[in-house]
Amino acid sequence: MEATGCWLVVAECLTLSVAYVCSLYVWSSPLNRDHPSTIKRRLVSVSVMGVVSPIFTYYCVSEELLAKHSLWDLLGMRWPGMLAASAVPLLLTMFLFLGPLVVKTQSESLAALAEPSYWVENLTSIYWLRDHIIAPLSEELTFRASLLPLLVQCVSPVKAVFISPMFFGVAHLHHIFGQVQSGVPFKRAALISGFQFSYTTLFGAYSAFLFLRTGHFVAPFLAHAFCNFMGFPDFGEVLSYSEPKRSLTFGLFVAGFVSWCFLLVPLTDPLLYENTLYWEPCTR
């Protein structure tokens, strides 16, 4: 694709990202983002974006690509390889969180998952649904399933992995306004948002990698939901452990990360997921 065409694609991706963020602020309200009324209104917004984003992709993607693949295939919603895409990338992500998983085991928070009351309580909690279902679903649909088919028209999948997270990370900078609105000093809000930008950009690269390698929407969605469940690793709790428990736990953090590095490519082999759309073997 010519340079002018690539700039158009970038503009389309930016438009999609801005539209997603703006949809969260169409409601005029003094309430903060964690108020139930705000959450319900934003649920309506992201639901609308869930319809608009694929339609936007359909009209912006090249006719040549649509002639070869259906919109559902481009969005990663296809049956071939679905079972593997639902399990293997999630298992891979669990390797990355081996240390934090052990920490949660120590605090018995994982044991609660086996209790029916945990699911009854959380599946009726709008906060839990927002963090673990609604946010991962809407963000992956817009920033991976709808945005990446546009981006790979002018850059290779490898480059798309590193470019697309910028749109995802920038989209999270809007949290600075909500924090300032809730009384957080601007400098502190900027630092918090800068940190959020860093780790959301890193996760965005990983999520884009999963989508392009597997060709499935479910892979990044489940990884995203799992990461939201785990949260940022609680290094403070590990530091509070006595020796040798502290060193052994940190060793598991390292072992999990090293295992993830070694397994990342083989466990996302496109052949496992019957994916020849975005990342064909032995190509770019």
Protein backbone atom coordinates (compact mmCIF):
# COMPACT_ATOMS: atom_id res chain seq x y z
CA MET A 1 0.00 0.00 0.00
CA GLU A 2 1.24 3.50 -0.83
CA ALA A 3 2.36 5.92 1.87
CA THR A 4 -0.82 8.01 1.47
CA GLY A 5 -2.87 4.85 1.97
CA CYS A 6 -0.98 4.05 5.16
CA TRP A 7 -1.58 7.50 6.55
CA LEU A 8 -5.27 6.99 5.84
CA VAL A 9 -5.18 3.69 7.74
CA VAL A 10 -3.50 5.39 10.70
CA ALA A 11 -6.20 8.08 10.63
CA GLU A 12 -8.89 5.39 10.59
CA CYS A 13 -7.30 3.60 13.56
CA LEU A 14 -7.02 6.87 15.45
CA THR A 15 -10.65 7.68 14.66
CA LEU A 16 -11.75 4.32 16.03
CA SER A 17 -9.73 4.82 19.21
CA VAL A 18 -11.00 8.36 19.79
CA ALA A 19 -14.59 7.28 19.11
CA TYR A 20 -14.30 4.58 21.79
CA VAL A 21 -13.03 7.05 24.40
CA CYS A 22 -15.54 9.75 23.43
CA SER A 23 -18.39 7.25 23.77
CA LEU A 24 -17.57 7.05 27.49
CA TYR A 25 -17.99 10.81 27.92
CA VAL A 26 -21.17 11.50 25.96
CA TRP A 27 -23.08 11.36 29.23
CA SER A 28 -23.01 14.64 31.15
CA SER A 29 -22.66 13.68 34.81
CA PRO A 30 -20.69 14.87 37.86
CA LEU A 31 -20.47 11.29 39.15
CA ASN A 32 -17.12 9.43 39.05
CA ARG A 33 -16.39 6.36 36.91
CA ASP A 34 -17.12 3.92 39.75
CA HIS A 35 -20.63 5.13 40.45
CA PRO A 36 -23.22 2.51 39.38
CA SER A 37 -25.06 5.06 37.22
CA THR A 38 -21.84 5.93 35.38
CA ILE A 39 -21.03 2.26 34.83
CA LYS A 40 -24.51 1.55 33.43
CA ARG A 41 -24.31 4.50 31.06
CA ARG A 42 -20.88 3.48 29.87
CA LEU A 43 -22.19 -0.03 29.34
CA VAL A 44 -24.63 1.44 26.83
CA SER A 45 -21.77 3.36 25.19
CA VAL A 46 -19.47 0.37 24.76
CA SER A 47 -22.41 -1.74 23.56
CA VAL A 48 -23.00 0.80 20.80
CA MET A 49 -19.27 0.77 20.00
CA GLY A 50 -19.46 -3.02 19.84
CA VAL A 51 -21.79 -2.59 16.86
CA VAL A 52 -20.13 0.49 15.35
CA SER A 53 -16.54 -0.81 15.42
CA PRO A 54 -17.07 -3.88 13.17
CA ILE A 55 -19.22 -1.80 10.79
CA PHE A 56 -16.45 0.82 10.66
CA THR A 57 -13.95 -1.93 9.82
CA TYR A 58 -16.23 -3.35 7.14
CA TYR A 59 -16.44 -0.02 5.31
CA CYS A 60 -12.77 0.93 5.77
CA VAL A 61 -11.03 -2.34 5.00
CA SER A 62 -9.98 -2.95 1.40
CA GLU A 63 -12.38 -4.62 -1.01
CA GLU A 64 -9.59 -7.01 -1.95
CA LEU A 65 -9.36 -8.31 1.62
CA LEU A 66 -13.15 -8.63 1.94
CA ALA A 67 -13.25 -10.56 -1.32
CA LYS A 68 -10.97 -13.20 0.22
CA HIS A 69 -12.33 -13.29 3.77
CA SER A 70 -15.64 -12.63 5.48
CA LEU A 71 -15.98 -9.87 8.06
CA TRP A 72 -16.40 -12.54 10.76
CA ASP A 73 -13.05 -14.06 9.81
CA LEU A 74 -11.37 -10.64 9.91
CA LEU A 75 -12.82 -10.06 13.38
CA GLY A 76 -11.42 -13.39 14.56
CA MET A 77 -14.84 -14.94 15.06
CA ARG A 78 -14.52 -18.28 13.31
CA TRP A 79 -14.91 -21.95 14.24
CA PRO A 80 -11.67 -23.57 12.96
CA GLY A 81 -9.14 -23.61 15.78
CA MET A 82 -11.63 -22.21 18.30
CA LEU A 83 -11.01 -24.89 20.95
CA ALA A 84 -7.24 -24.38 20.92
CA ALA A 85 -7.63 -20.58 20.91
CA SER A 86 -9.88 -20.81 23.98
CA ALA A 87 -7.38 -22.80 26.05
CA VAL A 88 -3.75 -22.57 24.93
CA PRO A 89 -3.21 -18.76 25.02
CA LEU A 90 -4.90 -18.64 28.43
CA LEU A 91 -2.57 -21.35 29.70
CA LEU A 92 0.36 -19.41 28.26
CA THR A 93 -0.75 -16.29 30.14
CA MET A 94 -0.98 -18.32 33.34
CA PHE A 95 2.71 -19.20 32.95
CA LEU A 96 3.45 -15.47 32.86
CA PHE A 97 1.52 -15.07 36.11
CA LEU A 98 2.97 -18.13 37.84
CA GLY A 99 4.40 -16.08 40.71
CA PRO A 100 1.24 -13.99 41.30
CA LEU A 101 -0.88 -17.16 41.12
CA VAL A 102 1.20 -18.69 43.92
CA VAL A 103 0.79 -15.49 45.96
CA LYS A 104 -2.98 -15.64 45.49
CA THR A 105 -2.89 -19.28 46.59
CA GLN A 106 -1.14 -18.21 49.79
CA SER A 107 -3.89 -15.67 50.48
CA GLU A 108 -6.57 -18.27 49.69
CA SER A 109 -8.21 -15.95 47.15
CA LEU A 110 -7.99 -18.67 44.48
CA ALA A 111 -9.77 -21.14 46.74
CA ALA A 112 -12.80 -18.84 46.69
CA LEU A 113 -13.26 -19.64 42.98
CA ALA A 114 -14.49 -23.09 43.95
CA GLU A 115 -17.26 -21.62 46.09
CA PRO A 116 -20.66 -21.17 44.35
CA SER A 117 -21.24 -18.08 46.50
CA TYR A 118 -18.26 -16.38 44.82
CA TRP A 119 -19.87 -16.64 41.40
CA VAL A 120 -23.36 -15.79 42.63
CA GLU A 121 -22.07 -12.64 44.29
CA ASN A 122 -19.78 -11.49 41.48
CA LEU A 123 -22.02 -12.30 38.54
CA THR A 124 -24.55 -9.92 40.06
CA SER A 125 -21.93 -7.23 40.77
CA ILE A 126 -21.75 -4.50 38.14
CA TYR A 127 -18.18 -3.74 39.22
CA TRP A 128 -16.99 -7.32 38.71
CA LEU A 129 -18.84 -7.59 35.40
CA ARG A 130 -17.29 -4.32 34.21
CA ASP A 131 -13.72 -5.33 35.09
CA HIS A 132 -13.81 -8.98 34.02
CA ILE A 133 -16.36 -9.18 31.19
CA ILE A 134 -17.52 -5.86 29.78
CA ALA A 135 -14.19 -4.00 29.62
CA PRO A 136 -12.16 -6.91 28.13
CA LEU A 137 -14.94 -7.71 25.65
CA SER A 138 -15.45 -4.15 24.40
CA GLU A 139 -11.77 -3.20 24.34
CA GLU A 140 -10.67 -6.34 22.50
CA LEU A 141 -13.50 -5.95 20.00
CA THR A 142 -12.48 -2.37 19.18
CA PHE A 143 -8.70 -2.32 19.64
CA ARG A 144 -7.86 -5.80 18.35
CA ALA A 145 -10.67 -7.35 16.30
CA SER A 146 -11.71 -4.13 14.54
CA LEU A 147 -8.47 -2.12 14.49
CA LEU A 148 -5.88 -4.74 13.52
CA PRO A 149 -7.55 -5.78 10.21
CA LEU A 150 -7.14 -2.16 9.15
CA LEU A 151 -3.55 -1.85 10.31
CA VAL A 152 -2.24 -5.04 8.67
CA GLN A 153 -3.23 -3.64 5.29
CA CYS A 154 -0.12 -1.45 5.24
CA VAL A 155 2.28 -2.97 7.79
CA SER A 156 3.41 -6.51 8.53
CA PRO A 157 1.87 -8.38 11.49
CA VAL A 158 5.15 -7.98 13.41
CA LYS A 159 5.03 -4.18 13.02
CA ALA A 160 1.31 -4.14 13.82
CA VAL A 161 2.07 -5.80 17.18
CA PHE A 162 4.21 -2.81 18.15
CA ILE A 163 2.15 -0.05 16.52
CA SER A 164 -1.39 -0.98 17.58
CA PRO A 165 -0.71 -0.82 21.36
CA MET A 166 -0.04 2.91 21.01
CA PHE A 167 -3.71 3.45 20.16
CA PHE A 168 -4.73 1.23 23.08
CA GLY A 169 -2.37 2.92 25.55
CA VAL A 170 -3.35 6.45 24.53
CA ALA A 171 -7.00 5.49 24.90
CA HIS A 172 -6.35 4.86 28.62
CA LEU A 173 -4.91 8.32 29.24
CA HIS A 174 -8.44 9.66 29.62
CA HIS A 175 -8.44 8.24 33.17
CA ILE A 176 -6.42 11.28 34.22
CA PHE A 177 -9.55 13.43 33.89
CA GLY A 178 -11.61 11.11 36.06
CA GLN A 179 -8.94 11.12 38.76
CA VAL A 180 -8.64 14.89 38.77
CA GLN A 181 -12.44 15.12 38.90
CA SER A 182 -12.45 12.87 41.98
CA GLY A 183 -9.98 15.14 43.79
CA VAL A 184 -6.59 13.60 42.93
CA PRO A 185 -3.88 16.28 42.40
CA PHE A 186 -2.98 16.70 38.73
CA LYS A 187 0.68 15.66 39.13
CA ARG A 188 -0.27 12.45 40.94
CA ALA A 189 -3.03 11.74 38.42
CA ALA A 190 -0.51 12.26 35.59
CA LEU A 191 1.95 9.82 37.20
CA ILE A 192 -0.76 7.20 37.71
CA SER A 193 -2.00 7.61 34.13
CA GLY A 194 1.58 7.43 32.82
CA PHE A 195 2.06 4.15 34.64
CA GLN A 196 -1.27 2.88 33.27
CA PHE A 197 -0.19 3.92 29.79
CA SER A 198 3.02 1.88 30.17
CA TYR A 199 1.49 -1.40 31.24
CA THR A 200 -1.60 -1.12 29.01
CA THR A 201 0.72 -0.54 26.04
CA LEU A 202 2.74 -3.63 26.97
CA PHE A 203 -0.42 -5.68 27.37
CA GLY A 204 -1.76 -4.26 24.12
CA ALA A 205 1.29 -5.61 22.29
CA TYR A 206 0.80 -9.05 23.85
CA SER A 207 -2.92 -9.04 23.07
CA ALA A 208 -2.30 -7.97 19.47
CA PHE A 209 0.29 -10.74 19.17
CA LEU A 210 -2.26 -13.31 20.37
CA PHE A 211 -4.91 -12.05 17.96
CA LEU A 212 -2.66 -12.01 14.93
CA ARG A 213 -0.96 -15.33 15.68
CA THR A 214 -4.16 -17.24 16.47
CA GLY A 215 -6.56 -15.34 14.21
CA HIS A 216 -9.13 -15.61 17.01
CA PHE A 217 -10.90 -12.96 19.09
CA VAL A 218 -11.38 -15.34 22.02
CA ALA A 219 -7.62 -15.66 22.64
CA PRO A 220 -6.92 -12.01 23.61
CA PHE A 221 -10.32 -11.68 25.27
CA LEU A 222 -9.70 -14.51 27.74
CA ALA A 223 -6.12 -13.34 28.34
CA HIS A 224 -7.42 -9.81 29.01
CA ALA A 225 -10.11 -11.04 31.41
CA PHE A 226 -7.55 -13.19 33.25
CA CYS A 227 -5.08 -10.29 33.56
CA ASN A 228 -7.82 -8.06 34.95
CA PHE A 229 -8.64 -10.77 37.48
CA MET A 230 -5.01 -11.07 38.53
CA GLY A 231 -4.32 -7.34 38.65
CA PHE A 232 -0.82 -5.92 38.92
CA PRO A 233 1.53 -8.30 40.85
CA ASP A 234 1.62 -7.55 44.57
CA PHE A 235 5.37 -7.36 45.12
CA GLY A 236 4.80 -5.72 48.50
CA GLU A 237 3.18 -8.86 49.88
CA VAL A 238 6.07 -11.00 48.65
CA LEU A 239 8.57 -8.66 50.33
CA SER A 240 6.71 -9.18 53.60
CA TYR A 241 7.42 -12.93 53.48
CA SER A 242 10.23 -14.32 55.62
CA GLU A 243 13.11 -16.27 54.12
CA PRO A 244 13.33 -18.70 52.40
CA LYS A 245 9.68 -18.25 51.34
CA ARG A 246 10.39 -14.80 49.91
CA SER A 247 13.27 -15.97 47.69
CA LEU A 248 11.35 -19.06 46.54
CA THR A 249 8.34 -16.94 45.60
CA PHE A 250 10.45 -14.46 43.66
CA GLY A 251 12.08 -17.48 42.01
CA LEU A 252 8.63 -18.54 40.79
CA PHE A 253 8.08 -15.06 39.36
CA VAL A 254 11.28 -15.45 37.35
CA ALA A 255 10.55 -19.08 36.39
CA GLY A 256 7.10 -18.13 35.15
CA PHE A 257 8.44 -15.26 33.04
CA VAL A 258 11.25 -17.38 31.56
CA SER A 259 8.80 -20.20 30.76
CA TRP A 260 6.47 -17.72 29.10
CA CYS A 261 9.33 -16.38 26.96
CA PHE A 262 10.27 -19.86 25.77
CA LEU A 263 6.68 -20.96 25.15
CA LEU A 264 5.39 -17.74 23.56
CA VAL A 265 6.22 -18.61 19.94
CA PRO A 266 5.58 -22.40 19.91
CA LEU A 267 2.26 -22.13 21.77
CA THR A 268 1.03 -19.44 19.37
CA ASP A 269 2.03 -21.25 16.19
CA PRO A 270 -0.65 -20.27 13.63
CA LEU A 271 -0.87 -23.91 12.53
CA LEU A 272 -2.37 -24.82 15.92
CA TYR A 273 -5.26 -22.46 15.21
CA GLU A 274 -5.67 -23.03 11.46
CA ASN A 275 -4.73 -19.39 10.98
CA THR A 276 -3.50 -18.35 7.55
CA LEU A 277 -5.23 -14.97 7.50
CA TYR A 278 -2.91 -12.72 9.48
CA TRP A 279 0.30 -14.61 10.18
CA GLU A 280 1.10 -17.26 7.63
CA PRO A 281 4.05 -19.56 8.42
CA CYS A 282 7.32 -18.55 6.79
CA THR A 283 6.01 -15.13 5.71
CA ARG A 284 6.76 -11.60 6.88
